[in-house]
Amino acid sequence: MLTLYTVKEVAIVLDNLTPKAKDQLSLKELDVTVYYRVNPDYIRPLAVKRTQQSVDIGSGVYAPQRILVESVSRSEIADVVSKHDSMTIHTVRTALEGESQKAIQKNLDASDPGAFVITRVVVRQVLTDPTVEAAIRNVVAKGKEKEAADLQVGIAMSLAEATAKTAQTLTPAFLQHEYNLALMEFAKNKGGTVILDGSSSGKQIVVRQ
């Protein structure tokens, strides 16, 4: 009986995966598509070596060793996810794709060097557990509250420093000097003589036009 195998790229759709992350929390949903092809020279030897591993994809055409590749993909993707924290895994899709592709390829090469090519891995969706998402939102909110509090503290410190510096310049001698300048200006504008009994210094201050 003649069996037809495709040598084109085959897509393996893996939906609703729930692997555990590094913090032992399971993802709510992980949807991944793994694309692979088999070297034409290896299709027949692989069919003899591993029977019942190919899948009919329509019209009597089989995707060679699809069951094997899917099994390896599920295992390696779960292992990759276990190296990332659930709270940040949604931000590292590109890393998940690259790491998964290398891991799957390495596994298949270990048993059948040169037979398989994992052309790409696409992470279509990654959802964390609802409780983890709530925790993420809480962390973000707390971070914003801390930023606001730090800003208020910084403003208060700046005002305190400015007030302290101003207080240091307002010495009695400085105030008396400014007062004398004001009296001199007053005498120039109004004419006549202004006599002030300097209570702080015990001296009379005479200001004439």
N, C-alpha and C. Protein backbone atom coordinates (compact mmCIF):
# COMPACT_ATOMS: atom_id res chain seq x y z
N MET A 1 0.85 -1.20 0.00
CA MET A 1 0.00 0.00 0.00
C MET A 1 0.88 1.25 0.00
N LEU A 2 0.58 2.17 -0.88
CA LEU A 2 1.35 3.38 -1.01
C LEU A 2 0.87 4.43 -0.02
N THR A 3 1.79 4.98 0.75
CA THR A 3 1.46 6.04 1.71
C THR A 3 2.15 7.33 1.27
N LEU A 4 1.37 8.39 1.20
CA LEU A 4 1.91 9.69 0.79
C LEU A 4 2.21 10.55 2.01
N TYR A 5 3.40 11.15 2.02
CA TYR A 5 3.80 12.03 3.12
C TYR A 5 4.10 13.42 2.55
N THR A 6 3.74 14.44 3.30
CA THR A 6 4.05 15.79 2.87
C THR A 6 5.46 16.17 3.30
N VAL A 7 6.12 16.92 2.46
CA VAL A 7 7.45 17.43 2.81
C VAL A 7 7.37 18.93 3.08
N LYS A 8 6.15 19.46 3.07
CA LYS A 8 5.94 20.86 3.36
C LYS A 8 5.94 21.11 4.88
N GLU A 9 5.97 22.37 5.23
CA GLU A 9 5.92 22.75 6.65
C GLU A 9 4.56 22.36 7.23
N VAL A 10 4.60 21.75 8.41
CA VAL A 10 3.39 21.30 9.09
C VAL A 10 3.21 22.13 10.36
N ALA A 11 1.97 22.56 10.62
CA ALA A 11 1.66 23.33 11.81
C ALA A 11 1.00 22.45 12.86
N ILE A 12 1.52 22.49 14.07
CA ILE A 12 0.92 21.77 15.20
C ILE A 12 0.33 22.80 16.15
N VAL A 13 -0.98 22.83 16.25
CA VAL A 13 -1.67 23.81 17.09
C VAL A 13 -1.88 23.23 18.48
N LEU A 14 -1.32 23.89 19.45
CA LEU A 14 -1.45 23.46 20.85
C LEU A 14 -2.21 24.53 21.62
N ASP A 15 -3.46 24.23 21.94
CA ASP A 15 -4.31 25.20 22.64
C ASP A 15 -4.60 24.76 24.08
N ASN A 16 -4.91 25.76 24.90
CA ASN A 16 -5.34 25.52 26.28
C ASN A 16 -4.31 24.76 27.12
N LEU A 17 -3.04 25.03 26.90
CA LEU A 17 -2.01 24.44 27.75
C LEU A 17 -2.01 25.16 29.09
N THR A 18 -1.75 24.44 30.16
CA THR A 18 -1.73 25.05 31.50
C THR A 18 -0.47 24.63 32.27
N PRO A 19 0.69 24.89 31.73
CA PRO A 19 1.92 24.50 32.42
C PRO A 19 2.17 25.36 33.66
N LYS A 20 3.00 24.85 34.56
CA LYS A 20 3.34 25.59 35.77
C LYS A 20 4.56 26.47 35.52
N ALA A 21 4.50 27.67 36.05
CA ALA A 21 5.61 28.61 35.93
C ALA A 21 6.63 28.35 37.04
N LYS A 22 7.66 29.18 37.08
CA LYS A 22 8.75 29.02 38.04
C LYS A 22 8.27 29.08 39.48
N ASP A 23 7.23 29.90 39.73
CA ASP A 23 6.70 30.06 41.08
C ASP A 23 5.62 29.02 41.43
N GLN A 24 5.54 27.97 40.59
CA GLN A 24 4.62 26.85 40.80
C GLN A 24 3.15 27.21 40.61
N LEU A 25 2.87 28.34 39.98
CA LEU A 25 1.50 28.72 39.65
C LEU A 25 1.22 28.35 38.20
N SER A 26 0.09 27.69 37.97
CA SER A 26 -0.25 27.26 36.62
C SER A 26 -0.81 28.43 35.81
N LEU A 27 -0.44 28.48 34.54
CA LEU A 27 -1.01 29.49 33.66
C LEU A 27 -2.48 29.15 33.40
N LYS A 28 -3.28 30.17 33.22
CA LYS A 28 -4.68 29.94 32.91
C LYS A 28 -4.83 29.36 31.52
N GLU A 29 -4.02 29.90 30.57
CA GLU A 29 -4.09 29.40 29.19
C GLU A 29 -2.84 29.80 28.42
N LEU A 30 -2.31 28.84 27.69
CA LEU A 30 -1.17 29.09 26.82
C LEU A 30 -1.47 28.46 25.46
N ASP A 31 -1.51 29.27 24.42
CA ASP A 31 -1.79 28.79 23.07
C ASP A 31 -0.54 28.98 22.21
N VAL A 32 -0.05 27.87 21.65
CA VAL A 32 1.19 27.89 20.89
C VAL A 32 1.02 27.10 19.59
N THR A 33 1.68 27.56 18.54
CA THR A 33 1.73 26.80 17.29
C THR A 33 3.18 26.49 16.96
N VAL A 34 3.47 25.21 16.75
CA VAL A 34 4.82 24.76 16.41
C VAL A 34 4.83 24.35 14.94
N TYR A 35 5.76 24.90 14.19
CA TYR A 35 5.89 24.58 12.76
C TYR A 35 7.15 23.74 12.54
N TYR A 36 6.98 22.65 11.77
CA TYR A 36 8.13 21.78 11.52
C TYR A 36 8.03 21.15 10.13
N ARG A 37 9.15 20.61 9.70
CA ARG A 37 9.17 19.80 8.48
C ARG A 37 10.20 18.70 8.67
N VAL A 38 10.07 17.67 7.84
CA VAL A 38 10.96 16.52 7.94
C VAL A 38 11.80 16.42 6.67
N ASN A 39 13.07 16.16 6.85
CA ASN A 39 13.97 15.96 5.72
C ASN A 39 13.46 14.78 4.88
N PRO A 40 13.19 15.00 3.59
CA PRO A 40 12.62 13.93 2.75
C PRO A 40 13.40 12.61 2.81
N ASP A 41 14.71 12.69 2.98
CA ASP A 41 15.53 11.48 3.02
C ASP A 41 15.26 10.64 4.27
N TYR A 42 14.64 11.24 5.28
CA TYR A 42 14.43 10.53 6.54
C TYR A 42 12.99 10.04 6.71
N ILE A 43 12.10 10.42 5.81
CA ILE A 43 10.69 10.07 6.00
C ILE A 43 10.48 8.56 6.05
N ARG A 44 11.02 7.84 5.09
CA ARG A 44 10.83 6.39 5.08
C ARG A 44 11.51 5.71 6.27
N PRO A 45 12.79 6.02 6.57
CA PRO A 45 13.42 5.38 7.73
C PRO A 45 12.67 5.65 9.03
N LEU A 46 12.14 6.86 9.19
CA LEU A 46 11.39 7.20 10.40
C LEU A 46 10.08 6.41 10.47
N ALA A 47 9.43 6.22 9.31
CA ALA A 47 8.18 5.48 9.27
C ALA A 47 8.40 4.03 9.69
N VAL A 48 9.56 3.50 9.33
CA VAL A 48 9.89 2.12 9.73
C VAL A 48 10.28 2.06 11.20
N LYS A 49 11.03 3.07 11.63
CA LYS A 49 11.51 3.10 13.01
C LYS A 49 10.37 3.35 14.00
N ARG A 50 9.47 4.23 13.64
CA ARG A 50 8.37 4.59 14.54
C ARG A 50 7.06 4.51 13.76
N THR A 51 6.36 3.44 13.91
CA THR A 51 5.07 3.30 13.24
C THR A 51 3.99 4.03 14.04
N GLN A 52 2.90 4.35 13.40
CA GLN A 52 1.75 4.98 14.04
C GLN A 52 2.07 6.36 14.63
N GLN A 53 3.06 7.03 14.08
CA GLN A 53 3.39 8.37 14.58
C GLN A 53 3.00 9.47 13.59
N SER A 54 2.59 9.08 12.40
CA SER A 54 2.19 10.05 11.39
C SER A 54 0.68 10.25 11.42
N VAL A 55 0.21 11.40 10.95
CA VAL A 55 -1.22 11.74 11.03
C VAL A 55 -1.73 12.14 9.65
N ASP A 56 -2.91 11.62 9.30
CA ASP A 56 -3.55 11.95 8.03
C ASP A 56 -4.08 13.39 8.12
N ILE A 57 -3.59 14.25 7.24
CA ILE A 57 -4.01 15.64 7.27
C ILE A 57 -5.00 15.96 6.14
N GLY A 58 -5.50 14.93 5.52
CA GLY A 58 -6.52 15.10 4.49
C GLY A 58 -6.09 14.56 3.14
N SER A 59 -7.05 13.98 2.43
CA SER A 59 -6.83 13.44 1.08
C SER A 59 -5.78 12.34 1.07
N GLY A 60 -5.64 11.63 2.20
CA GLY A 60 -4.72 10.52 2.26
C GLY A 60 -3.26 10.92 2.35
N VAL A 61 -3.00 12.18 2.63
CA VAL A 61 -1.63 12.67 2.79
C VAL A 61 -1.31 12.76 4.28
N TYR A 62 -0.14 12.26 4.65
CA TYR A 62 0.23 12.20 6.07
C TYR A 62 1.31 13.23 6.43
N ALA A 63 1.16 13.77 7.66
CA ALA A 63 2.21 14.62 8.24
C ALA A 63 3.15 13.67 8.97
N PRO A 64 4.38 13.52 8.50
CA PRO A 64 5.29 12.52 9.07
C PRO A 64 5.68 12.83 10.52
N GLN A 65 5.54 11.79 11.36
CA GLN A 65 5.99 11.85 12.75
C GLN A 65 5.35 12.99 13.54
N ARG A 66 4.13 13.36 13.17
CA ARG A 66 3.48 14.49 13.83
C ARG A 66 3.22 14.21 15.30
N ILE A 67 2.82 13.01 15.64
CA ILE A 67 2.52 12.67 17.04
C ILE A 67 3.77 12.80 17.90
N LEU A 68 4.90 12.36 17.36
CA LEU A 68 6.17 12.47 18.08
C LEU A 68 6.51 13.93 18.32
N VAL A 69 6.45 14.73 17.26
CA VAL A 69 6.82 16.15 17.38
C VAL A 69 5.90 16.87 18.36
N GLU A 70 4.60 16.53 18.32
CA GLU A 70 3.67 17.17 19.26
C GLU A 70 3.99 16.81 20.70
N SER A 71 4.29 15.53 20.94
CA SER A 71 4.61 15.09 22.30
C SER A 71 5.86 15.79 22.83
N VAL A 72 6.89 15.86 21.99
CA VAL A 72 8.13 16.53 22.39
C VAL A 72 7.88 18.02 22.62
N SER A 73 7.07 18.62 21.76
CA SER A 73 6.78 20.05 21.88
C SER A 73 6.08 20.36 23.20
N ARG A 74 5.08 19.58 23.55
CA ARG A 74 4.36 19.81 24.80
C ARG A 74 5.31 19.75 25.99
N SER A 75 6.17 18.74 25.99
CA SER A 75 7.11 18.56 27.11
C SER A 75 8.12 19.70 27.21
N GLU A 76 8.70 20.07 26.08
CA GLU A 76 9.74 21.10 26.09
C GLU A 76 9.16 22.49 26.38
N ILE A 77 7.98 22.77 25.88
CA ILE A 77 7.34 24.06 26.16
C ILE A 77 7.03 24.19 27.65
N ALA A 78 6.55 23.11 28.26
CA ALA A 78 6.28 23.12 29.70
C ALA A 78 7.57 23.38 30.48
N ASP A 79 8.66 22.80 30.02
CA ASP A 79 9.95 22.99 30.70
C ASP A 79 10.42 24.44 30.57
N VAL A 80 10.22 25.04 29.40
CA VAL A 80 10.62 26.44 29.20
C VAL A 80 9.79 27.36 30.09
N VAL A 81 8.49 27.12 30.16
CA VAL A 81 7.61 27.95 30.99
C VAL A 81 8.03 27.87 32.46
N SER A 82 8.48 26.70 32.89
CA SER A 82 8.86 26.51 34.29
C SER A 82 10.07 27.35 34.70
N LYS A 83 10.73 27.98 33.74
CA LYS A 83 11.90 28.80 34.03
C LYS A 83 11.56 30.28 34.15
N HIS A 84 10.28 30.62 33.97
CA HIS A 84 9.85 32.02 34.02
C HIS A 84 8.79 32.21 35.10
N ASP A 85 8.78 33.39 35.71
CA ASP A 85 7.78 33.71 36.73
C ASP A 85 6.44 34.00 36.08
N SER A 86 5.37 33.54 36.73
CA SER A 86 4.03 33.73 36.17
C SER A 86 3.64 35.20 36.10
N MET A 87 4.19 36.04 36.99
CA MET A 87 3.81 37.46 37.02
C MET A 87 4.40 38.25 35.86
N THR A 88 5.43 37.71 35.22
CA THR A 88 6.08 38.46 34.13
C THR A 88 6.11 37.69 32.81
N ILE A 89 5.60 36.47 32.81
CA ILE A 89 5.73 35.63 31.62
C ILE A 89 5.02 36.22 30.41
N HIS A 90 3.96 37.02 30.65
CA HIS A 90 3.24 37.62 29.52
C HIS A 90 4.07 38.69 28.80
N THR A 91 5.18 39.09 29.40
CA THR A 91 6.03 40.13 28.79
C THR A 91 7.20 39.54 28.01
N VAL A 92 7.33 38.21 28.00
CA VAL A 92 8.51 37.59 27.37
C VAL A 92 8.11 36.58 26.29
N ARG A 93 7.15 36.93 25.49
CA ARG A 93 6.69 36.01 24.43
C ARG A 93 7.81 35.63 23.47
N THR A 94 8.58 36.62 23.06
CA THR A 94 9.67 36.35 22.11
C THR A 94 10.67 35.38 22.70
N ALA A 95 10.98 35.55 23.98
CA ALA A 95 11.91 34.64 24.65
C ALA A 95 11.32 33.23 24.72
N LEU A 96 10.03 33.12 25.03
CA LEU A 96 9.37 31.81 25.09
C LEU A 96 9.45 31.11 23.73
N GLU A 97 9.21 31.86 22.67
CA GLU A 97 9.24 31.28 21.33
C GLU A 97 10.64 30.78 20.98
N GLY A 98 11.64 31.62 21.21
CA GLY A 98 13.00 31.24 20.87
C GLY A 98 13.51 30.07 21.70
N GLU A 99 13.26 30.11 23.00
CA GLU A 99 13.72 29.03 23.88
C GLU A 99 13.02 27.71 23.56
N SER A 100 11.73 27.79 23.25
CA SER A 100 10.98 26.57 22.93
C SER A 100 11.47 25.96 21.63
N GLN A 101 11.70 26.79 20.63
CA GLN A 101 12.19 26.29 19.34
C GLN A 101 13.52 25.55 19.52
N LYS A 102 14.44 26.14 20.27
CA LYS A 102 15.75 25.52 20.48
C LYS A 102 15.62 24.22 21.26
N ALA A 103 14.76 24.23 22.29
CA ALA A 103 14.61 23.04 23.13
C ALA A 103 14.01 21.87 22.36
N ILE A 104 12.98 22.13 21.56
CA ILE A 104 12.34 21.07 20.78
C ILE A 104 13.32 20.52 19.75
N GLN A 105 14.03 21.42 19.07
CA GLN A 105 15.01 21.00 18.07
C GLN A 105 16.09 20.12 18.70
N LYS A 106 16.59 20.54 19.85
CA LYS A 106 17.64 19.78 20.54
C LYS A 106 17.18 18.38 20.91
N ASN A 107 15.96 18.27 21.38
CA ASN A 107 15.40 16.97 21.78
C ASN A 107 15.30 16.03 20.57
N LEU A 108 14.77 16.55 19.47
CA LEU A 108 14.60 15.72 18.28
C LEU A 108 15.94 15.35 17.66
N ASP A 109 16.91 16.27 17.72
CA ASP A 109 18.23 15.98 17.17
C ASP A 109 18.95 14.89 17.96
N ALA A 110 18.62 14.81 19.24
CA ALA A 110 19.27 13.81 20.10
C ALA A 110 18.94 12.39 19.65
N SER A 111 17.72 12.18 19.15
CA SER A 111 17.32 10.83 18.73
C SER A 111 17.46 10.62 17.22
N ASP A 112 17.23 11.69 16.45
CA ASP A 112 17.28 11.57 14.98
C ASP A 112 17.96 12.79 14.38
N PRO A 113 19.27 12.87 14.46
CA PRO A 113 20.02 14.03 13.94
C PRO A 113 19.75 14.27 12.46
N GLY A 114 19.41 15.52 12.15
CA GLY A 114 19.21 15.90 10.76
C GLY A 114 17.87 15.56 10.18
N ALA A 115 17.01 14.87 10.93
CA ALA A 115 15.73 14.44 10.38
C ALA A 115 14.66 15.54 10.46
N PHE A 116 14.66 16.29 11.56
CA PHE A 116 13.60 17.28 11.78
C PHE A 116 14.16 18.71 11.76
N VAL A 117 13.31 19.62 11.31
CA VAL A 117 13.64 21.05 11.38
C VAL A 117 12.44 21.77 11.99
N ILE A 118 12.64 22.34 13.18
CA ILE A 118 11.60 23.16 13.79
C ILE A 118 11.79 24.56 13.22
N THR A 119 10.92 24.93 12.30
CA THR A 119 11.11 26.19 11.57
C THR A 119 10.75 27.41 12.41
N ARG A 120 9.75 27.29 13.27
CA ARG A 120 9.39 28.41 14.14
C ARG A 120 8.38 27.96 15.18
N VAL A 121 8.30 28.76 16.25
CA VAL A 121 7.32 28.55 17.31
C VAL A 121 6.64 29.88 17.57
N VAL A 122 5.33 29.89 17.57
CA VAL A 122 4.57 31.13 17.76
C VAL A 122 3.69 31.02 19.00
N VAL A 123 3.91 31.92 19.95
CA VAL A 123 3.06 31.98 21.14
C VAL A 123 1.91 32.92 20.80
N ARG A 124 0.73 32.37 20.63
CA ARG A 124 -0.42 33.17 20.21
C ARG A 124 -1.14 33.84 21.37
N GLN A 125 -1.10 33.19 22.52
CA GLN A 125 -1.75 33.79 23.69
C GLN A 125 -1.18 33.19 24.96
N VAL A 126 -0.99 34.06 25.96
CA VAL A 126 -0.55 33.58 27.27
C VAL A 126 -1.33 34.35 28.33
N LEU A 127 -2.09 33.62 29.11
CA LEU A 127 -2.92 34.22 30.16
C LEU A 127 -2.51 33.65 31.51
N THR A 128 -2.28 34.54 32.44
CA THR A 128 -1.94 34.09 33.79
C THR A 128 -3.20 33.80 34.59
N ASP A 129 -3.03 33.17 35.74
CA ASP A 129 -4.15 32.89 36.62
C ASP A 129 -4.78 34.20 37.07
N PRO A 130 -6.12 34.27 37.17
CA PRO A 130 -6.79 35.51 37.60
C PRO A 130 -6.24 36.08 38.90
N THR A 131 -5.89 35.21 39.85
CA THR A 131 -5.35 35.70 41.12
C THR A 131 -3.99 36.35 40.92
N VAL A 132 -3.23 35.83 39.96
CA VAL A 132 -1.92 36.41 39.66
C VAL A 132 -2.10 37.76 38.98
N GLU A 133 -3.08 37.86 38.07
CA GLU A 133 -3.34 39.13 37.41
C GLU A 133 -3.74 40.19 38.42
N ALA A 134 -4.55 39.79 39.41
CA ALA A 134 -4.94 40.73 40.47
C ALA A 134 -3.72 41.17 41.26
N ALA A 135 -2.83 40.23 41.49
CA ALA A 135 -1.61 40.56 42.23
C ALA A 135 -0.74 41.53 41.44
N ILE A 136 -0.69 41.34 40.11
CA ILE A 136 0.08 42.23 39.25
C ILE A 136 -0.48 43.65 39.32
N ARG A 137 -1.82 43.76 39.23
CA ARG A 137 -2.45 45.08 39.30
C ARG A 137 -2.19 45.73 40.65
N ASN A 138 -2.21 44.92 41.71
CA ASN A 138 -1.96 45.45 43.05
C ASN A 138 -0.53 45.96 43.17
N VAL A 139 0.42 45.22 42.59
CA VAL A 139 1.82 45.64 42.64
C VAL A 139 2.00 46.96 41.89
N VAL A 140 1.36 47.07 40.72
CA VAL A 140 1.45 48.31 39.94
C VAL A 140 0.87 49.48 40.71
N ALA A 141 -0.31 49.24 41.34
CA ALA A 141 -0.95 50.30 42.11
C ALA A 141 -0.08 50.74 43.28
N LYS A 142 0.49 49.76 43.98
CA LYS A 142 1.36 50.07 45.11
C LYS A 142 2.59 50.86 44.65
N GLY A 143 3.10 50.48 43.48
CA GLY A 143 4.25 51.18 42.94
C GLY A 143 3.93 52.64 42.66
N LYS A 144 2.72 52.89 42.09
CA LYS A 144 2.31 54.26 41.81
C LYS A 144 2.12 55.05 43.10
N GLU A 145 1.55 54.40 44.13
CA GLU A 145 1.36 55.06 45.42
C GLU A 145 2.71 55.44 46.02
N LYS A 146 3.68 54.54 45.90
CA LYS A 146 5.01 54.82 46.45
C LYS A 146 5.67 55.98 45.71
N GLU A 147 5.50 56.01 44.38
CA GLU A 147 6.08 57.10 43.60
C GLU A 147 5.50 58.44 44.05
N ALA A 148 4.16 58.46 44.26
CA ALA A 148 3.51 59.69 44.70
C ALA A 148 3.99 60.11 46.09
N ALA A 149 4.12 59.13 46.99
CA ALA A 149 4.58 59.41 48.35
C ALA A 149 6.01 59.93 48.33
N ASP A 150 6.86 59.30 47.52
CA ASP A 150 8.26 59.75 47.42
C ASP A 150 8.34 61.17 46.87
N LEU A 151 7.46 61.49 45.92
CA LEU A 151 7.44 62.83 45.35
C LEU A 151 7.05 63.86 46.40
N GLN A 152 6.03 63.53 47.21
CA GLN A 152 5.58 64.43 48.27
C GLN A 152 6.68 64.64 49.31
N VAL A 153 7.37 63.57 49.65
CA VAL A 153 8.46 63.68 50.61
C VAL A 153 9.57 64.57 50.05
N GLY A 154 9.88 64.39 48.77
CA GLY A 154 10.91 65.20 48.14
C GLY A 154 10.55 66.68 48.14
N ILE A 155 9.28 66.99 47.84
CA ILE A 155 8.83 68.40 47.85
C ILE A 155 8.93 68.98 49.25
N ALA A 156 8.48 68.21 50.25
CA ALA A 156 8.53 68.68 51.64
C ALA A 156 9.96 68.94 52.08
N MET A 157 10.88 68.06 51.68
CA MET A 157 12.29 68.23 52.05
C MET A 157 12.88 69.47 51.39
N SER A 158 12.52 69.70 50.13
CA SER A 158 13.02 70.88 49.41
C SER A 158 12.53 72.16 50.06
N LEU A 159 11.24 72.17 50.45
CA LEU A 159 10.68 73.35 51.11
C LEU A 159 11.35 73.58 52.46
N ALA A 160 11.60 72.52 53.19
CA ALA A 160 12.24 72.64 54.49
C ALA A 160 13.65 73.19 54.35
N GLU A 161 14.38 72.71 53.33
CA GLU A 161 15.73 73.19 53.11
C GLU A 161 15.73 74.67 52.72
N ALA A 162 14.78 75.06 51.87
CA ALA A 162 14.69 76.46 51.45
C ALA A 162 14.36 77.37 52.63
N THR A 163 13.44 76.91 53.48
CA THR A 163 13.06 77.69 54.66
C THR A 163 14.24 77.84 55.60
N ALA A 164 14.99 76.77 55.78
CA ALA A 164 16.14 76.81 56.67
C ALA A 164 17.20 77.78 56.16
N LYS A 165 17.43 77.76 54.84
CA LYS A 165 18.42 78.66 54.25
C LYS A 165 17.98 80.11 54.39
N THR A 166 16.68 80.37 54.21
CA THR A 166 16.17 81.73 54.35
C THR A 166 16.31 82.22 55.79
N ALA A 167 16.01 81.34 56.73
CA ALA A 167 16.11 81.70 58.14
C ALA A 167 17.54 82.04 58.53
N GLN A 168 18.49 81.35 57.91
CA GLN A 168 19.90 81.60 58.21
C GLN A 168 20.34 82.99 57.75
N THR A 169 19.74 83.52 56.69
CA THR A 169 20.12 84.83 56.17
C THR A 169 19.45 85.97 56.92
N LEU A 170 18.32 85.72 57.60
CA LEU A 170 17.59 86.77 58.30
C LEU A 170 18.13 86.97 59.71
N THR A 171 19.39 87.34 59.81
CA THR A 171 20.01 87.62 61.11
C THR A 171 19.63 89.02 61.57
N PRO A 172 19.73 89.33 62.88
CA PRO A 172 19.43 90.68 63.38
C PRO A 172 20.23 91.76 62.67
N ALA A 173 21.51 91.51 62.43
CA ALA A 173 22.35 92.50 61.76
C ALA A 173 21.85 92.77 60.34
N PHE A 174 21.45 91.68 59.64
CA PHE A 174 20.95 91.84 58.28
C PHE A 174 19.65 92.64 58.27
N LEU A 175 18.76 92.32 59.21
CA LEU A 175 17.47 93.03 59.29
C LEU A 175 17.69 94.51 59.61
N GLN A 176 18.62 94.80 60.55
CA GLN A 176 18.91 96.18 60.91
C GLN A 176 19.46 96.95 59.71
N HIS A 177 20.32 96.29 58.95
CA HIS A 177 20.90 96.92 57.76
C HIS A 177 19.82 97.28 56.76
N GLU A 178 18.92 96.36 56.52
CA GLU A 178 17.83 96.60 55.57
C GLU A 178 16.92 97.71 56.07
N TYR A 179 16.73 97.76 57.40
CA TYR A 179 15.88 98.79 58.00
C TYR A 179 16.51 100.17 57.81
N ASN A 180 17.81 100.26 58.01
CA ASN A 180 18.53 101.52 57.85
C ASN A 180 18.45 102.00 56.40
N LEU A 181 18.60 101.09 55.46
CA LEU A 181 18.50 101.47 54.05
C LEU A 181 17.12 102.02 53.73
N ALA A 182 16.11 101.43 54.31
CA ALA A 182 14.74 101.89 54.08
C ALA A 182 14.55 103.30 54.63
N LEU A 183 15.13 103.59 55.82
CA LEU A 183 15.01 104.93 56.43
C LEU A 183 15.73 105.97 55.58
N MET A 184 16.88 105.62 55.05
CA MET A 184 17.62 106.54 54.22
C MET A 184 16.82 106.89 52.97
N GLU A 185 16.20 105.89 52.40
CA GLU A 185 15.39 106.12 51.20
C GLU A 185 14.20 107.01 51.53
N PHE A 186 13.62 106.79 52.72
CA PHE A 186 12.48 107.58 53.17
C PHE A 186 12.88 109.04 53.34
N ALA A 187 14.08 109.29 53.95
CA ALA A 187 14.55 110.66 54.19
C ALA A 187 14.81 111.37 52.86
N LYS A 188 15.34 110.66 51.88
CA LYS A 188 15.60 111.26 50.58
C LYS A 188 14.33 111.69 49.90
N ASN A 189 13.33 110.89 50.01
CA ASN A 189 12.07 111.16 49.32
C ASN A 189 11.25 112.24 50.02
N LYS A 190 11.28 112.26 51.38
CA LYS A 190 10.42 113.17 52.14
C LYS A 190 11.15 114.45 52.54
N GLY A 191 12.46 114.41 52.62
CA GLY A 191 13.22 115.57 53.06
C GLY A 191 13.25 115.64 54.58
N GLY A 192 14.22 116.38 55.18
CA GLY A 192 14.30 116.53 56.63
C GLY A 192 15.24 115.53 57.24
N THR A 193 15.11 115.39 58.54
CA THR A 193 15.98 114.52 59.31
C THR A 193 15.17 113.50 60.07
N VAL A 194 15.66 112.27 60.08
CA VAL A 194 15.01 111.19 60.83
C VAL A 194 15.99 110.71 61.87
N ILE A 195 15.58 110.74 63.15
CA ILE A 195 16.44 110.27 64.22
C ILE A 195 15.81 109.02 64.83
N LEU A 196 16.60 107.93 64.84
CA LEU A 196 16.11 106.65 65.37
C LEU A 196 16.97 106.25 66.55
N ASP A 197 16.31 105.91 67.65
CA ASP A 197 17.03 105.41 68.83
C ASP A 197 17.26 103.92 68.62
N GLY A 198 18.48 103.53 68.30
CA GLY A 198 18.78 102.12 68.03
C GLY A 198 18.70 101.30 69.30
N SER A 199 17.58 100.68 69.52
CA SER A 199 17.37 99.93 70.76
C SER A 199 18.27 98.72 70.85
N SER A 200 18.62 98.13 69.73
CA SER A 200 19.42 96.91 69.77
C SER A 200 20.89 97.23 69.97
N SER A 201 21.36 98.38 69.42
CA SER A 201 22.78 98.71 69.51
C SER A 201 23.08 99.77 70.56
N GLY A 202 22.03 100.47 71.04
CA GLY A 202 22.23 101.52 72.04
C GLY A 202 22.75 102.79 71.44
N LYS A 203 22.76 102.90 70.11
CA LYS A 203 23.26 104.09 69.43
C LYS A 203 22.14 104.80 68.71
N GLN A 204 22.30 106.15 68.58
CA GLN A 204 21.34 106.91 67.80
C GLN A 204 21.75 106.85 66.33
N ILE A 205 20.75 106.70 65.48
CA ILE A 205 21.00 106.69 64.05
C ILE A 205 20.36 107.93 63.46
N VAL A 206 21.15 108.80 62.85
CA VAL A 206 20.65 110.06 62.29
C VAL A 206 20.71 109.96 60.78
N VAL A 207 19.59 110.18 60.16
CA VAL A 207 19.51 110.13 58.72
C VAL A 207 19.04 111.48 58.23
N ARG A 208 19.86 112.20 57.44
CA ARG A 208 19.51 113.53 56.91
C ARG A 208 19.41 113.45 55.38
N GLN A 209 18.69 114.48 54.88
CA GLN A 209 18.54 114.56 53.41
C GLN A 209 19.84 114.93 52.75
